[in-house]
């Protein structure tokens, strides 16, 4: 009737290369954890792989496809009755092709994406007494985010007004590098009946170094 249209009519036959958008997603996981040494050492290991397929309407070069593998490792140790340590490491990536795909983009005018990263964490806590403890924490990040033209940097980009289409090259690239290291150490003491009451005293230091480059 008035509110309905026939999708099998002339609308698609007028544009035979125009396809309906479609999205596919896969997610696989494996996790394992438990004690290595009873009451002393524990581990956790996880793996994940995700894949995305995003079909842009009107684009003839296939889907915008992304792979995202990820690994996470955690080790926890009770070194002594009063000392606890934890270490964690995550490694992952987000890599794709046909970024920028659209109905007005030719298959050679897209970019590929590479973006791996590593994240590490460390902590150590030592209890001197029920009122005093020492804490050390550190974290590290490394990663980059690169977008590169599918046909390389030496091919020129052109927009054809007659076809309403970007041709030959994306016309840009982008390279981003990032790093960061941070460490904290603190000593905390709880003092009862000190001067006019109970107080928490905390002394510490923090160090950070970061790197950033964009091209």
Protein backbone atom coordinates (compact mmCIF):
# COMPACT_ATOMS: atom_id res chain seq x y z
CA UNK A 1 0.00 0.00 0.00
CA UNK A 2 0.95 3.61 0.49
CA UNK A 3 3.46 2.86 3.32
CA UNK A 4 5.25 0.03 1.50
CA UNK A 5 7.71 -0.18 -1.36
CA UNK A 6 8.67 -3.12 -3.56
CA UNK A 7 12.42 -3.79 -3.14
CA UNK A 8 12.30 -6.13 -6.14
CA UNK A 9 11.20 -3.37 -8.49
CA UNK A 10 13.19 -0.93 -10.55
CA UNK A 11 15.01 0.72 -7.65
CA UNK A 12 17.90 -1.78 -7.58
CA UNK A 13 17.86 -2.66 -11.28
CA UNK A 14 18.64 1.00 -12.04
CA UNK A 15 21.84 0.59 -9.93
CA UNK A 16 22.95 -3.04 -10.37
CA UNK A 17 26.28 -2.44 -8.51
CA UNK A 18 24.61 -0.98 -5.45
CA UNK A 19 24.42 -3.61 -2.71
CA UNK A 20 22.65 -3.66 0.63
CA UNK A 21 24.94 -3.15 3.64
CA UNK A 22 25.86 -6.29 5.60
CA UNK A 23 27.74 -6.85 8.85
CA UNK A 24 29.42 -10.03 10.10
CA UNK A 25 31.14 -10.61 13.43
CA UNK A 26 33.09 -13.56 14.87
CA UNK A 27 34.33 -13.85 18.45
CA UNK A 28 36.33 -16.82 19.81
CA UNK A 29 37.65 -17.06 23.38
CA UNK A 30 39.81 -19.44 25.42
CA UNK A 31 40.44 -18.88 29.14
CA UNK A 32 42.42 -20.92 31.65
CA UNK A 33 43.53 -20.19 35.19
CA UNK A 34 44.43 -21.77 38.50
CA UNK A 35 47.21 -22.42 40.99
CA UNK A 36 50.77 -23.22 39.91
CA UNK A 37 51.84 -23.78 43.50
CA UNK A 38 49.19 -24.14 46.18
CA UNK A 39 48.69 -21.00 48.26
CA UNK A 40 51.80 -19.45 46.64
CA UNK A 41 51.50 -18.88 42.91
CA UNK A 42 48.52 -18.49 40.56
CA UNK A 43 48.12 -17.84 36.85
CA UNK A 44 45.46 -16.74 34.40
CA UNK A 45 45.70 -16.88 30.61
CA UNK A 46 43.13 -15.68 28.14
CA UNK A 47 43.05 -15.60 24.34
CA UNK A 48 40.49 -13.85 22.15
CA UNK A 49 40.11 -13.42 18.41
CA UNK A 50 37.51 -11.16 16.84
CA UNK A 51 36.84 -10.60 13.16
CA UNK A 52 34.58 -7.95 11.66
CA UNK A 53 33.23 -7.76 8.11
CA UNK A 54 31.38 -4.57 7.28
CA UNK A 55 30.08 -4.33 3.73
CA UNK A 56 29.67 -0.70 2.70
CA UNK A 57 26.74 -0.14 0.34
CA UNK A 58 27.93 0.51 -3.20
CA UNK A 59 31.61 -0.36 -2.59
CA UNK A 60 32.93 -2.98 -5.01
CA UNK A 61 36.21 -3.91 -3.29
CA UNK A 62 34.86 -6.27 -0.64
CA UNK A 63 34.16 -5.68 3.05
CA UNK A 64 35.88 -3.40 5.50
CA UNK A 65 37.55 -6.30 7.32
CA UNK A 66 39.19 -6.07 10.75
CA UNK A 67 41.05 -8.67 12.81
CA UNK A 68 41.48 -8.14 16.54
CA UNK A 69 43.59 -10.80 18.31
CA UNK A 70 44.18 -10.36 22.04
CA UNK A 71 46.18 -12.17 24.71
CA UNK A 72 46.07 -11.50 28.46
CA UNK A 73 48.40 -13.06 31.03
CA UNK A 74 48.29 -12.56 34.79
CA UNK A 75 50.60 -13.97 37.44
CA UNK A 76 49.87 -13.54 41.16
CA UNK A 77 52.36 -14.59 43.84
CA UNK A 78 52.27 -14.63 47.63
CA UNK A 79 56.04 -14.30 48.06
CA UNK A 80 55.88 -14.26 51.88
CA UNK A 81 52.98 -14.08 54.34
CA UNK A 82 53.33 -10.29 54.21
CA UNK A 83 54.36 -9.74 50.56
CA UNK A 84 52.10 -10.00 47.53
CA UNK A 85 53.07 -9.49 43.88
CA UNK A 86 51.04 -9.24 40.65
CA UNK A 87 52.13 -9.05 37.01
CA UNK A 88 49.84 -8.59 34.04
CA UNK A 89 50.53 -8.40 30.29
CA UNK A 90 48.10 -7.72 27.46
CA UNK A 91 49.09 -7.94 23.80
CA UNK A 92 46.56 -7.08 21.14
CA UNK A 93 46.14 -5.60 17.67
CA UNK A 94 43.46 -4.03 15.53
CA UNK A 95 44.34 -4.52 11.87
CA UNK A 96 42.08 -3.89 8.94
CA UNK A 97 41.72 -3.30 5.22
CA UNK A 98 39.42 -1.21 3.04
CA UNK A 99 39.18 1.57 5.61
CA UNK A 100 37.33 4.48 4.03
CA UNK A 101 35.23 2.27 1.76
CA UNK A 102 32.02 3.85 0.51
CA UNK A 103 29.81 4.11 -2.57
CA UNK A 104 31.93 7.05 -3.79
CA UNK A 105 35.30 5.32 -3.27
CA UNK A 106 36.98 2.98 -5.75
CA UNK A 107 38.63 -0.22 -4.41
CA UNK A 108 42.11 1.28 -4.90
CA UNK A 109 41.42 4.51 -2.96
CA UNK A 110 41.23 3.00 0.52
CA UNK A 111 43.76 2.58 3.32
CA UNK A 112 44.95 -0.33 5.44
CA UNK A 113 45.22 -0.08 9.22
CA UNK A 114 47.85 -1.54 11.56
CA UNK A 115 47.53 -0.82 15.27
CA UNK A 116 49.19 -3.25 17.69
CA UNK A 117 49.78 -2.48 21.36
CA UNK A 118 51.37 -3.92 24.50
CA UNK A 119 50.20 -3.08 28.03
CA UNK A 120 52.08 -4.28 31.11
CA UNK A 121 51.24 -3.87 34.81
CA UNK A 122 53.20 -4.71 37.96
CA UNK A 123 52.39 -4.27 41.64
CA UNK A 124 54.04 -5.30 44.89
CA UNK A 125 52.65 -4.79 48.39
CA UNK A 126 54.57 -5.47 51.60
CA UNK A 127 52.93 -5.24 55.03
CA UNK A 128 55.35 -4.23 57.76
CA UNK A 129 52.69 -4.23 60.47
CA UNK A 130 48.92 -3.90 60.80
CA UNK A 131 49.48 -0.12 60.66
CA UNK A 132 52.24 0.23 58.06
CA UNK A 133 52.57 -1.05 54.49
CA UNK A 134 54.63 -0.33 51.38
CA UNK A 135 53.24 -0.33 47.85
CA UNK A 136 54.96 -0.25 44.42
CA UNK A 137 53.11 -0.06 41.10
CA UNK A 138 54.33 0.23 37.52
CA UNK A 139 52.62 0.34 34.13
CA UNK A 140 53.91 0.35 30.56
CA UNK A 141 52.25 0.99 27.22
CA UNK A 142 53.64 0.67 23.68
CA UNK A 143 51.68 0.92 20.48
CA UNK A 144 51.28 2.51 17.10
CA UNK A 145 48.43 3.42 14.75
CA UNK A 146 49.32 3.39 11.06
CA UNK A 147 47.08 4.13 8.08
CA UNK A 148 48.70 3.44 4.72
CA UNK A 149 47.22 3.86 1.20
CA UNK A 150 46.43 0.58 -0.49
CA UNK A 151 48.31 1.64 -3.64
CA UNK A 152 51.27 3.21 -1.81
CA UNK A 153 52.27 6.81 -1.17
CA UNK A 154 53.55 7.57 -4.69
CA UNK A 155 50.23 7.19 -6.53
CA UNK A 156 48.18 10.36 -6.91
CA UNK A 157 44.54 10.67 -5.85
CA UNK A 158 41.82 11.87 -8.21
CA UNK A 159 38.11 12.59 -7.84
CA UNK A 160 36.10 11.99 -11.01
CA UNK A 161 33.05 14.28 -11.14
CA UNK A 162 31.38 12.28 -13.91
CA UNK A 163 31.54 9.05 -11.88
CA UNK A 164 31.25 10.78 -8.48
CA UNK A 165 34.15 8.57 -7.40
CA UNK A 166 37.54 8.81 -5.68
CA UNK A 167 40.10 7.00 -7.85
CA UNK A 168 43.64 5.57 -7.71
CA UNK A 169 44.64 6.47 -4.11
CA UNK A 170 43.28 7.56 -0.75
CA UNK A 171 45.42 10.71 -0.92
CA UNK A 172 46.64 10.53 2.68
CA UNK A 173 48.56 8.45 5.21
CA UNK A 174 48.88 8.76 8.98
CA UNK A 175 51.49 7.32 11.34
CA UNK A 176 51.14 7.63 15.12
CA UNK A 177 53.59 6.19 17.67
CA UNK A 178 52.85 6.17 21.40
CA UNK A 179 54.72 4.97 24.51
CA UNK A 180 54.25 5.52 28.23
CA UNK A 181 55.92 4.31 31.41
CA UNK A 182 54.67 5.13 34.90
CA UNK A 183 55.87 4.01 38.35
CA UNK A 184 54.51 4.81 41.81
CA UNK A 185 55.95 3.96 45.24
CA UNK A 186 54.32 4.83 48.55
CA UNK A 187 54.62 4.15 52.27
CA UNK A 188 51.43 4.37 54.33
CA UNK A 189 51.24 4.50 58.12
CA UNK A 190 48.21 4.74 60.39
CA UNK A 191 48.93 6.62 63.62
CA UNK A 192 46.58 6.33 66.59
CA UNK A 193 46.33 9.06 69.21
CA UNK A 194 48.85 11.22 67.36
CA UNK A 195 48.70 14.88 68.47
CA UNK A 196 44.92 15.45 68.40
CA UNK A 197 43.59 12.18 67.02
CA UNK A 198 44.06 9.35 64.50
CA UNK A 199 45.80 10.09 61.20
CA UNK A 200 46.84 8.38 57.97
CA UNK A 201 50.28 9.37 56.72
CA UNK A 202 51.34 8.60 53.18
CA UNK A 203 54.69 9.34 51.56
CA UNK A 204 55.43 8.54 47.97
CA UNK A 205 56.96 9.29 44.60
CA UNK A 206 55.64 9.07 41.05
CA UNK A 207 57.65 8.93 37.82
CA UNK A 208 56.23 9.10 34.30
CA UNK A 209 57.81 9.19 30.86
CA UNK A 210 55.77 9.32 27.68
CA UNK A 211 56.57 9.45 24.00
CA UNK A 212 54.32 10.79 21.22
CA UNK A 213 55.01 11.13 17.50
CA UNK A 214 52.53 11.81 14.69
CA UNK A 215 53.41 11.97 11.00
